[in-house]
Amino acid sequence: MIKKFVTVIVVVIAIFYYYLVHDIPDKQLRVLRVGSECDYVPYSWVTSKEHEYNFPLANSPGSYVDGYDIQIAKIVADYMNVKLEFRKIAWENLFDALNRKEIDVIFSGMLDTDERRKLVDFSKTYELNRSEYAILVNIGSAFTGARSLEDFSGARILGQKETYFDTVIDQIPGVVHMPPVNSISAMMENVVNFNVDGIIIDADMGSSYERIYTNLKLIKFPEGKGFKLGFTGVCAGVRKGDKDLLDNINKAIANLSVRERKRIMDRVVSRMWENI
């Protein structure tokens, strides 16, 4: 009798172990695969130095990613009790990677625009401040005294391809709309080298770059004098119809108070100065 009981226990343990380590179709997600541009301080950036707050990039050995996006993704993964895997993906390829199921979610300083809502389902916003766009210019530029969009008439302004950084440029009367580039880094290189008069940037991110590049100045606009933006804020994006994952992300975000979001951002910015 005892022998039969032991045999049953062994069988039960074996079945449990099988379901634990094998991919069962209806089993809960165990690894959250996150795609990010990783080129958007303070939301995400890459470093070669490992520390307790960053994560290795699965598709770039020896590289690690940190930033506000990354810390919010970690909070979501902790809430879901799953592991994290990060992949650095060029901005213009993020949506394809998501829909090809190479990643499960996008955390990349992404705004919930009407055009993007056709491609992905968006979470609630998780950013700290209201989105505001500004223009970053070289201190030697003729436009350092600008105070309104009209003041940039005739300026050569650059944005990032397939983002609002590019599309809002046409709100500037008489602007010279430069052909967009593929990355924030390319934008920065162009304005630093006087190839353009200014670049469009998120105001929070622009303040960080203004501190990094002492030869640059951020032009912010008074209420009613700046860009008109048609979105809520920075959100995570999941495949259309992925309701379970979206619900989990929204619940994790809902648990974050404004005070906690500020604490996360303050710590991220502090690390940014140490690692960039």
C-alpha atoms as a PDB file:
ATOM      1  CA  MET A   1       0.000   0.000   0.000  1.00  0.00           C
ATOM      2  CA  ILE A   2       2.791   2.395   0.947  1.00  0.00           C
ATOM      3  CA  LYS A   3       4.645   1.485  -2.263  1.00  0.00           C
ATOM      4  CA  LYS A   4       1.579   2.349  -4.377  1.00  0.00           C
ATOM      5  CA  PHE A   5       1.176   5.674  -2.517  1.00  0.00           C
ATOM      6  CA  VAL A   6       4.820   6.609  -3.155  1.00  0.00           C
ATOM      7  CA  THR A   7       4.403   5.695  -6.825  1.00  0.00           C
ATOM      8  CA  VAL A   8       1.391   8.015  -7.152  1.00  0.00           C
ATOM      9  CA  ILE A   9       3.304  10.875  -5.514  1.00  0.00           C
ATOM     10  CA  VAL A  10       6.243  10.374  -7.885  1.00  0.00           C
ATOM     11  CA  VAL A  11       3.906  10.445 -10.905  1.00  0.00           C
ATOM     12  CA  VAL A  12       2.189  13.636  -9.694  1.00  0.00           C
ATOM     13  CA  ILE A  13       5.560  15.347  -9.178  1.00  0.00           C
ATOM     14  CA  ALA A  14       6.700  14.261 -12.634  1.00  0.00           C
ATOM     15  CA  ILE A  15       3.555  15.676 -14.263  1.00  0.00           C
ATOM     16  CA  PHE A  16       3.923  18.950 -12.350  1.00  0.00           C
ATOM     17  CA  TYR A  17       7.568  19.239 -13.392  1.00  0.00           C
ATOM     18  CA  TYR A  18       6.639  18.597 -17.047  1.00  0.00           C
ATOM     19  CA  TYR A  19       4.092  21.414 -17.043  1.00  0.00           C
ATOM     20  CA  LEU A  20       6.546  23.687 -15.265  1.00  0.00           C
ATOM     21  CA  VAL A  21       9.373  23.412 -17.783  1.00  0.00           C
ATOM     22  CA  HIS A  22       7.574  22.724 -21.071  1.00  0.00           C
ATOM     23  CA  ASP A  23       5.712  25.190 -23.257  1.00  0.00           C
ATOM     24  CA  ILE A  24       2.043  24.418 -22.821  1.00  0.00           C
ATOM     25  CA  PRO A  25      -0.246  26.345 -25.229  1.00  0.00           C
ATOM     26  CA  ASP A  26      -2.509  27.735 -22.508  1.00  0.00           C
ATOM     27  CA  LYS A  27       0.284  28.366 -19.992  1.00  0.00           C
ATOM     28  CA  GLN A  28       0.836  31.876 -18.664  1.00  0.00           C
ATOM     29  CA  LEU A  29       3.578  33.984 -20.247  1.00  0.00           C
ATOM     30  CA  ARG A  30       6.898  33.331 -18.458  1.00  0.00           C
ATOM     31  CA  VAL A  31       9.173  35.798 -20.284  1.00  0.00           C
ATOM     32  CA  LEU A  32       8.105  39.311 -21.267  1.00  0.00           C
ATOM     33  CA  ARG A  33      10.030  40.246 -24.411  1.00  0.00           C
ATOM     34  CA  VAL A  34      10.400  44.026 -24.604  1.00  0.00           C
ATOM     35  CA  GLY A  35      11.398  46.020 -27.678  1.00  0.00           C
ATOM     36  CA  SER A  36      12.916  49.492 -27.309  1.00  0.00           C
ATOM     37  CA  GLU A  37      14.838  51.933 -29.473  1.00  0.00           C
ATOM     38  CA  CYS A  38      17.304  52.384 -26.581  1.00  0.00           C
ATOM     39  CA  ASP A  39      18.321  55.833 -27.862  1.00  0.00           C
ATOM     40  CA  TYR A  40      16.034  58.230 -26.012  1.00  0.00           C
ATOM     41  CA  VAL A  41      17.338  59.633 -22.703  1.00  0.00           C
ATOM     42  CA  PRO A  42      16.045  59.608 -20.048  1.00  0.00           C
ATOM     43  CA  TYR A  43      13.618  56.944 -21.272  1.00  0.00           C
ATOM     44  CA  SER A  44      16.247  54.456 -22.470  1.00  0.00           C
ATOM     45  CA  TRP A  45      19.922  54.320 -23.318  1.00  0.00           C
ATOM     46  CA  VAL A  46      22.654  51.734 -23.831  1.00  0.00           C
ATOM     47  CA  THR A  47      25.811  51.290 -21.778  1.00  0.00           C
ATOM     48  CA  SER A  48      28.605  48.726 -21.774  1.00  0.00           C
ATOM     49  CA  LYS A  49      28.840  48.792 -17.973  1.00  0.00           C
ATOM     50  CA  GLU A  50      26.600  46.399 -16.045  1.00  0.00           C
ATOM     51  CA  HIS A  51      24.976  47.462 -12.768  1.00  0.00           C
ATOM     52  CA  GLU A  52      22.052  46.397 -10.611  1.00  0.00           C
ATOM     53  CA  TYR A  53      19.478  48.558 -12.402  1.00  0.00           C
ATOM     54  CA  ASN A  54      20.140  47.791 -16.058  1.00  0.00           C
ATOM     55  CA  PHE A  55      19.446  44.717 -18.181  1.00  0.00           C
ATOM     56  CA  PRO A  56      21.403  42.893 -20.886  1.00  0.00           C
ATOM     57  CA  LEU A  57      20.265  43.293 -24.477  1.00  0.00           C
ATOM     58  CA  ALA A  58      19.426  39.881 -25.924  1.00  0.00           C
ATOM     59  CA  ASN A  59      20.415  40.920 -29.440  1.00  0.00           C
ATOM     60  CA  SER A  60      23.540  42.913 -28.521  1.00  0.00           C
ATOM     61  CA  PRO A  61      25.969  40.896 -26.352  1.00  0.00           C
ATOM     62  CA  GLY A  62      27.977  43.011 -23.931  1.00  0.00           C
ATOM     63  CA  SER A  63      25.445  45.865 -23.998  1.00  0.00           C
ATOM     64  CA  TYR A  64      22.969  46.842 -21.285  1.00  0.00           C
ATOM     65  CA  VAL A  65      19.917  49.088 -21.253  1.00  0.00           C
ATOM     66  CA  ASP A  66      18.614  51.432 -18.565  1.00  0.00           C
ATOM     67  CA  GLY A  67      16.116  54.271 -18.424  1.00  0.00           C
ATOM     68  CA  TYR A  68      12.600  55.210 -17.340  1.00  0.00           C
ATOM     69  CA  ASP A  69      10.976  52.919 -19.929  1.00  0.00           C
ATOM     70  CA  ILE A  70      13.126  50.056 -18.696  1.00  0.00           C
ATOM     71  CA  GLN A  71      12.238  50.546 -15.037  1.00  0.00           C
ATOM     72  CA  ILE A  72       8.512  50.710 -15.835  1.00  0.00           C
ATOM     73  CA  ALA A  73       8.851  47.471 -17.835  1.00  0.00           C
ATOM     74  CA  LYS A  74      10.506  45.876 -14.793  1.00  0.00           C
ATOM     75  CA  ILE A  75       7.602  46.923 -12.588  1.00  0.00           C
ATOM     76  CA  VAL A  76       5.183  45.349 -15.069  1.00  0.00           C
ATOM     77  CA  ALA A  77       7.210  42.125 -15.179  1.00  0.00           C
ATOM     78  CA  ASP A  78       7.364  41.982 -11.368  1.00  0.00           C
ATOM     79  CA  TYR A  79       3.589  42.467 -11.212  1.00  0.00           C
ATOM     80  CA  MET A  80       3.111  39.617 -13.696  1.00  0.00           C
ATOM     81  CA  ASN A  81       5.771  37.476 -11.981  1.00  0.00           C
ATOM     82  CA  VAL A  82       7.650  36.897 -15.253  1.00  0.00           C
ATOM     83  CA  LYS A  83      11.226  37.366 -16.438  1.00  0.00           C
ATOM     84  CA  LEU A  84      12.332  40.194 -18.731  1.00  0.00           C
ATOM     85  CA  GLU A  85      14.132  40.109 -22.063  1.00  0.00           C
ATOM     86  CA  PHE A  86      15.084  43.353 -23.824  1.00  0.00           C
ATOM     87  CA  ARG A  87      15.847  43.834 -27.503  1.00  0.00           C
ATOM     88  CA  LYS A  88      17.275  46.973 -29.109  1.00  0.00           C
ATOM     89  CA  ILE A  89      15.278  47.620 -32.284  1.00  0.00           C
ATOM     90  CA  ALA A  90      15.365  50.629 -34.616  1.00  0.00           C
ATOM     91  CA  TRP A  91      12.289  52.794 -34.202  1.00  0.00           C
ATOM     92  CA  GLU A  92      10.931  52.141 -37.694  1.00  0.00           C
ATOM     93  CA  ASN A  93      11.125  48.357 -37.120  1.00  0.00           C
ATOM     94  CA  LEU A  94       9.436  48.161 -33.714  1.00  0.00           C
ATOM     95  CA  PHE A  95       5.878  47.680 -34.987  1.00  0.00           C
ATOM     96  CA  ASP A  96       6.917  44.965 -37.442  1.00  0.00           C
ATOM     97  CA  ALA A  97       8.860  43.161 -34.697  1.00  0.00           C
ATOM     98  CA  LEU A  98       5.783  43.279 -32.465  1.00  0.00           C
ATOM     99  CA  ASN A  99       3.414  41.943 -35.109  1.00  0.00           C
ATOM    100  CA  ARG A 100       5.890  39.230 -36.171  1.00  0.00           C
ATOM    101  CA  LYS A 101       5.847  38.156 -32.502  1.00  0.00           C
ATOM    102  CA  GLU A 102       9.573  38.738 -32.052  1.00  0.00           C
ATOM    103  CA  ILE A 103       8.643  40.845 -29.009  1.00  0.00           C
ATOM    104  CA  ASP A 104       5.537  41.046 -26.793  1.00  0.00           C
ATOM    105  CA  VAL A 105       5.446  44.748 -25.997  1.00  0.00           C
ATOM    106  CA  ILE A 106       7.042  48.071 -26.947  1.00  0.00           C
ATOM    107  CA  PHE A 107       8.433  50.307 -24.187  1.00  0.00           C
ATOM    108  CA  SER A 108      10.133  53.086 -26.140  1.00  0.00           C
ATOM    109  CA  GLY A 109       8.903  56.530 -25.126  1.00  0.00           C
ATOM    110  CA  MET A 110       6.010  55.918 -27.531  1.00  0.00           C
ATOM    111  CA  LEU A 111       3.092  58.294 -27.866  1.00  0.00           C
ATOM    112  CA  ASP A 112      -0.441  57.034 -28.491  1.00  0.00           C
ATOM    113  CA  THR A 113      -1.171  58.840 -31.753  1.00  0.00           C
ATOM    114  CA  ASP A 114      -4.203  58.134 -33.925  1.00  0.00           C
ATOM    115  CA  GLU A 115      -2.014  56.584 -36.626  1.00  0.00           C
ATOM    116  CA  ARG A 116      -0.329  54.202 -34.198  1.00  0.00           C
ATOM    117  CA  ARG A 117      -3.631  53.161 -32.623  1.00  0.00           C
ATOM    118  CA  LYS A 118      -4.366  51.441 -35.937  1.00  0.00           C
ATOM    119  CA  LEU A 119      -1.244  49.283 -35.492  1.00  0.00           C
ATOM    120  CA  VAL A 120      -1.120  48.510 -31.747  1.00  0.00           C
ATOM    121  CA  ASP A 121      -3.213  48.644 -28.584  1.00  0.00           C
ATOM    122  CA  PHE A 122      -1.916  51.205 -26.105  1.00  0.00           C
ATOM    123  CA  SER A 123      -1.645  51.034 -22.343  1.00  0.00           C
ATOM    124  CA  LYS A 124      -2.446  53.866 -20.000  1.00  0.00           C
ATOM    125  CA  THR A 125       0.209  56.567 -19.983  1.00  0.00           C
ATOM    126  CA  TYR A 126       3.093  56.017 -17.585  1.00  0.00           C
ATOM    127  CA  GLU A 127       5.171  59.161 -18.128  1.00  0.00           C
ATOM    128  CA  LEU A 128       5.758  61.688 -15.369  1.00  0.00           C
ATOM    129  CA  ASN A 129       4.871  64.986 -17.070  1.00  0.00           C
ATOM    130  CA  ARG A 130       2.542  66.175 -19.803  1.00  0.00           C
ATOM    131  CA  SER A 131       4.138  65.816 -23.228  1.00  0.00           C
ATOM    132  CA  GLU A 132       5.558  69.076 -24.586  1.00  0.00           C
ATOM    133  CA  TYR A 133       7.695  69.583 -27.684  1.00  0.00           C
ATOM    134  CA  ALA A 134      10.551  72.077 -27.936  1.00  0.00           C
ATOM    135  CA  ILE A 135      13.364  72.916 -30.354  1.00  0.00           C
ATOM    136  CA  LEU A 136      17.019  72.276 -29.566  1.00  0.00           C
ATOM    137  CA  VAL A 137      19.377  74.751 -31.264  1.00  0.00           C
ATOM    138  CA  ASN A 138      23.106  75.399 -31.273  1.00  0.00           C
ATOM    139  CA  ILE A 139      24.136  78.339 -29.103  1.00  0.00           C
ATOM    140  CA  GLY A 140      25.807  79.841 -32.187  1.00  0.00           C
ATOM    141  CA  SER A 141      22.518  79.711 -34.092  1.00  0.00           C
ATOM    142  CA  ALA A 142      20.591  82.820 -35.165  1.00  0.00           C
ATOM    143  CA  PHE A 143      17.506  81.335 -33.496  1.00  0.00           C
ATOM    144  CA  THR A 144      18.619  81.238 -29.842  1.00  0.00           C
ATOM    145  CA  GLY A 145      16.304  84.160 -29.050  1.00  0.00           C
ATOM    146  CA  ALA A 146      13.202  82.559 -30.562  1.00  0.00           C
ATOM    147  CA  ARG A 147      10.075  82.588 -28.401  1.00  0.00           C
ATOM    148  CA  SER A 148       7.381  81.322 -30.780  1.00  0.00           C
ATOM    149  CA  LEU A 149       7.007  79.029 -33.760  1.00  0.00           C
ATOM    150  CA  GLU A 150       6.810  82.099 -36.001  1.00  0.00           C
ATOM    151  CA  ASP A 151      10.310  83.094 -34.865  1.00  0.00           C
ATOM    152  CA  PHE A 152      11.638  79.949 -36.586  1.00  0.00           C
ATOM    153  CA  SER A 153      10.458  81.043 -40.047  1.00  0.00           C
ATOM    154  CA  GLY A 154      13.251  80.243 -42.521  1.00  0.00           C
ATOM    155  CA  ALA A 155      15.017  77.888 -40.098  1.00  0.00           C
ATOM    156  CA  ARG A 156      16.267  74.468 -41.205  1.00  0.00           C
ATOM    157  CA  ILE A 157      14.505  72.145 -38.778  1.00  0.00           C
ATOM    158  CA  LEU A 158      15.083  68.399 -38.506  1.00  0.00           C
ATOM    159  CA  GLY A 159      13.014  65.560 -37.052  1.00  0.00           C
ATOM    160  CA  GLN A 160      13.152  61.794 -36.653  1.00  0.00           C
ATOM    161  CA  LYS A 161      11.689  59.613 -39.380  1.00  0.00           C
ATOM    162  CA  GLU A 162       8.191  58.191 -38.760  1.00  0.00           C
ATOM    163  CA  THR A 163       7.688  60.148 -35.525  1.00  0.00           C
ATOM    164  CA  TYR A 164       5.834  63.276 -34.460  1.00  0.00           C
ATOM    165  CA  PHE A 165       9.244  64.928 -34.154  1.00  0.00           C
ATOM    166  CA  ASP A 166       9.106  65.090 -37.943  1.00  0.00           C
ATOM    167  CA  THR A 167       5.418  65.676 -38.652  1.00  0.00           C
ATOM    168  CA  VAL A 168       4.975  68.684 -36.319  1.00  0.00           C
ATOM    169  CA  ILE A 169       7.670  70.636 -38.173  1.00  0.00           C
ATOM    170  CA  ASP A 170       5.102  71.795 -40.721  1.00  0.00           C
ATOM    171  CA  GLN A 171       3.302  73.740 -37.968  1.00  0.00           C
ATOM    172  CA  ILE A 172       6.171  76.270 -38.181  1.00  0.00           C
ATOM    173  CA  PRO A 173       5.322  79.015 -40.716  1.00  0.00           C
ATOM    174  CA  GLY A 174       7.922  79.358 -43.479  1.00  0.00           C
ATOM    175  CA  VAL A 175      10.093  76.529 -42.108  1.00  0.00           C
ATOM    176  CA  VAL A 176      12.669  74.653 -44.164  1.00  0.00           C
ATOM    177  CA  HIS A 177      11.617  71.069 -43.395  1.00  0.00           C
ATOM    178  CA  MET A 178      14.781  68.978 -43.586  1.00  0.00           C
ATOM    179  CA  PRO A 179      14.627  65.287 -44.655  1.00  0.00           C
ATOM    180  CA  PRO A 180      14.161  63.246 -41.452  1.00  0.00           C
ATOM    181  CA  VAL A 181      16.852  60.948 -40.047  1.00  0.00           C
ATOM    182  CA  ASN A 182      16.474  57.514 -38.462  1.00  0.00           C
ATOM    183  CA  SER A 183      17.542  58.149 -34.868  1.00  0.00           C
ATOM    184  CA  ILE A 184      17.851  60.664 -32.046  1.00  0.00           C
ATOM    185  CA  SER A 185      21.628  60.278 -32.235  1.00  0.00           C
ATOM    186  CA  ALA A 186      21.606  61.331 -35.891  1.00  0.00           C
ATOM    187  CA  MET A 187      19.466  64.354 -35.017  1.00  0.00           C
ATOM    188  CA  MET A 188      21.903  65.351 -32.293  1.00  0.00           C
ATOM    189  CA  GLU A 189      24.897  64.983 -34.601  1.00  0.00           C
ATOM    190  CA  ASN A 190      23.276  67.270 -37.169  1.00  0.00           C
ATOM    191  CA  VAL A 191      22.453  70.093 -34.770  1.00  0.00           C
ATOM    192  CA  VAL A 192      25.824  69.915 -32.994  1.00  0.00           C
ATOM    193  CA  ASN A 193      27.633  70.187 -36.338  1.00  0.00           C
ATOM    194  CA  PHE A 194      25.453  73.086 -37.596  1.00  0.00           C
ATOM    195  CA  ASN A 195      24.029  70.984 -40.433  1.00  0.00           C
ATOM    196  CA  VAL A 196      20.596  72.223 -39.324  1.00  0.00           C
ATOM    197  CA  ASP A 197      19.357  75.157 -37.279  1.00  0.00           C
ATOM    198  CA  GLY A 198      17.376  73.066 -34.845  1.00  0.00           C
ATOM    199  CA  ILE A 199      15.791  69.697 -34.050  1.00  0.00           C
ATOM    200  CA  ILE A 200      12.397  68.837 -32.596  1.00  0.00           C
ATOM    201  CA  ILE A 201      12.616  67.141 -29.215  1.00  0.00           C
ATOM    202  CA  ASP A 202      10.463  66.288 -26.216  1.00  0.00           C
ATOM    203  CA  ALA A 203      10.957  69.071 -23.654  1.00  0.00           C
ATOM    204  CA  ASP A 204      11.947  66.717 -20.807  1.00  0.00           C
ATOM    205  CA  MET A 205      14.410  64.854 -22.978  1.00  0.00           C
ATOM    206  CA  GLY A 206      15.668  68.128 -24.453  1.00  0.00           C
ATOM    207  CA  SER A 207      16.507  69.412 -20.976  1.00  0.00           C
ATOM    208  CA  SER A 208      18.676  66.343 -20.447  1.00  0.00           C
ATOM    209  CA  TYR A 209      20.482  66.837 -23.770  1.00  0.00           C
ATOM    210  CA  GLU A 210      20.969  70.529 -22.977  1.00  0.00           C
ATOM    211  CA  ARG A 211      22.921  69.488 -19.894  1.00  0.00           C
ATOM    212  CA  ILE A 212      24.929  66.871 -21.792  1.00  0.00           C
ATOM    213  CA  TYR A 213      25.794  69.185 -24.715  1.00  0.00           C
ATOM    214  CA  THR A 214      26.737  72.547 -23.231  1.00  0.00           C
ATOM    215  CA  ASN A 215      26.818  74.162 -26.690  1.00  0.00           C
ATOM    216  CA  LEU A 216      23.091  73.552 -27.180  1.00  0.00           C
ATOM    217  CA  LYS A 217      20.077  75.542 -25.993  1.00  0.00           C
ATOM    218  CA  LEU A 218      16.507  74.306 -25.565  1.00  0.00           C
ATOM    219  CA  ILE A 219      13.783  76.647 -26.831  1.00  0.00           C
ATOM    220  CA  LYS A 220      10.500  76.055 -24.996  1.00  0.00           C
ATOM    221  CA  PHE A 221       7.340  77.932 -25.839  1.00  0.00           C
ATOM    222  CA  PRO A 222       4.786  79.765 -23.687  1.00  0.00           C
ATOM    223  CA  GLU A 223       1.247  78.427 -23.540  1.00  0.00           C
ATOM    224  CA  GLY A 224      -0.416  78.816 -26.947  1.00  0.00           C
ATOM    225  CA  LYS A 225       2.834  79.671 -28.752  1.00  0.00           C
ATOM    226  CA  GLY A 226       4.138  76.149 -29.298  1.00  0.00           C
ATOM    227  CA  PHE A 227       3.223  72.946 -31.107  1.00  0.00           C
ATOM    228  CA  LYS A 228      -0.284  71.498 -31.073  1.00  0.00           C
ATOM    229  CA  LEU A 229      -0.005  67.829 -30.095  1.00  0.00           C
ATOM    230  CA  GLY A 230      -2.738  65.243 -30.533  1.00  0.00           C
ATOM    231  CA  PHE A 231      -1.947  62.459 -28.076  1.00  0.00           C
ATOM    232  CA  THR A 232      -2.216  61.532 -24.405  1.00  0.00           C
ATOM    233  CA  GLY A 233       1.381  60.708 -23.518  1.00  0.00           C
ATOM    234  CA  VAL A 234       3.991  57.954 -23.344  1.00  0.00           C
ATOM    235  CA  CYS A 235       2.453  54.478 -23.337  1.00  0.00           C
ATOM    236  CA  ALA A 236       3.370  50.832 -23.852  1.00  0.00           C
ATOM    237  CA  GLY A 237       2.143  49.154 -27.024  1.00  0.00           C
ATOM    238  CA  VAL A 238       0.974  45.535 -27.460  1.00  0.00           C
ATOM    239  CA  ARG A 239      -0.331  43.566 -30.425  1.00  0.00           C
ATOM    240  CA  LYS A 240      -3.926  44.325 -31.387  1.00  0.00           C
ATOM    241  CA  GLY A 241      -6.259  42.142 -29.356  1.00  0.00           C
ATOM    242  CA  ASP A 242      -3.691  41.061 -26.746  1.00  0.00           C
ATOM    243  CA  LYS A 243      -6.133  41.915 -23.966  1.00  0.00           C
ATOM    244  CA  ASP A 244      -4.614  39.813 -21.166  1.00  0.00           C
ATOM    245  CA  LEU A 245      -1.197  41.420 -21.474  1.00  0.00           C
ATOM    246  CA  LEU A 246      -2.687  44.894 -21.845  1.00  0.00           C
ATOM    247  CA  ASP A 247      -4.810  44.418 -18.725  1.00  0.00           C
ATOM    248  CA  ASN A 248      -1.768  43.349 -16.711  1.00  0.00           C
ATOM    249  CA  ILE A 249       0.269  46.323 -17.915  1.00  0.00           C
ATOM    250  CA  ASN A 250      -2.543  48.737 -17.060  1.00  0.00           C
ATOM    251  CA  LYS A 251      -2.990  47.251 -13.586  1.00  0.00           C
ATOM    252  CA  ALA A 252       0.751  47.550 -12.889  1.00  0.00           C
ATOM    253  CA  ILE A 253       0.769  51.172 -14.094  1.00  0.00           C
ATOM    254  CA  ALA A 254      -2.339  52.003 -12.055  1.00  0.00           C
ATOM    255  CA  ASN A 255      -0.488  50.944  -8.906  1.00  0.00           C
ATOM    256  CA  LEU A 256       2.178  53.619  -9.496  1.00  0.00           C
ATOM    257  CA  SER A 257       1.542  56.897  -7.708  1.00  0.00           C
ATOM    258  CA  VAL A 258       2.818  60.203  -9.088  1.00  0.00           C
ATOM    259  CA  ARG A 259       5.270  60.292  -6.193  1.00  0.00           C
ATOM    260  CA  GLU A 260       6.645  56.852  -7.097  1.00  0.00           C
ATOM    261  CA  ARG A 261       6.961  57.781 -10.783  1.00  0.00           C
ATOM    262  CA  LYS A 262       8.928  60.878  -9.806  1.00  0.00           C
ATOM    263  CA  ARG A 263      11.200  58.809  -7.556  1.00  0.00           C
ATOM    264  CA  ILE A 264      11.890  56.399 -10.432  1.00  0.00           C
ATOM    265  CA  MET A 265      12.620  59.253 -12.853  1.00  0.00           C
ATOM    266  CA  ASP A 266      14.903  61.046 -10.382  1.00  0.00           C
ATOM    267  CA  ARG A 267      16.958  57.896  -9.881  1.00  0.00           C
ATOM    268  CA  VAL A 268      17.090  57.242 -13.609  1.00  0.00           C
ATOM    269  CA  VAL A 269      18.324  60.757 -14.344  1.00  0.00           C
ATOM    270  CA  SER A 270      20.948  60.446 -11.602  1.00  0.00           C
ATOM    271  CA  ARG A 271      22.283  57.238 -13.171  1.00  0.00           C
ATOM    272  CA  MET A 272      22.132  58.787 -16.615  1.00  0.00           C
ATOM    273  CA  TRP A 273      24.792  61.346 -15.688  1.00  0.00           C
ATOM    274  CA  GLU A 274      27.023  58.549 -14.411  1.00  0.00           C
ATOM    275  CA  ASN A 275      26.694  56.340 -17.481  1.00  0.00           C
ATOM    276  CA  ILE A 276      26.473  58.670 -20.495  1.00  0.00           C
END
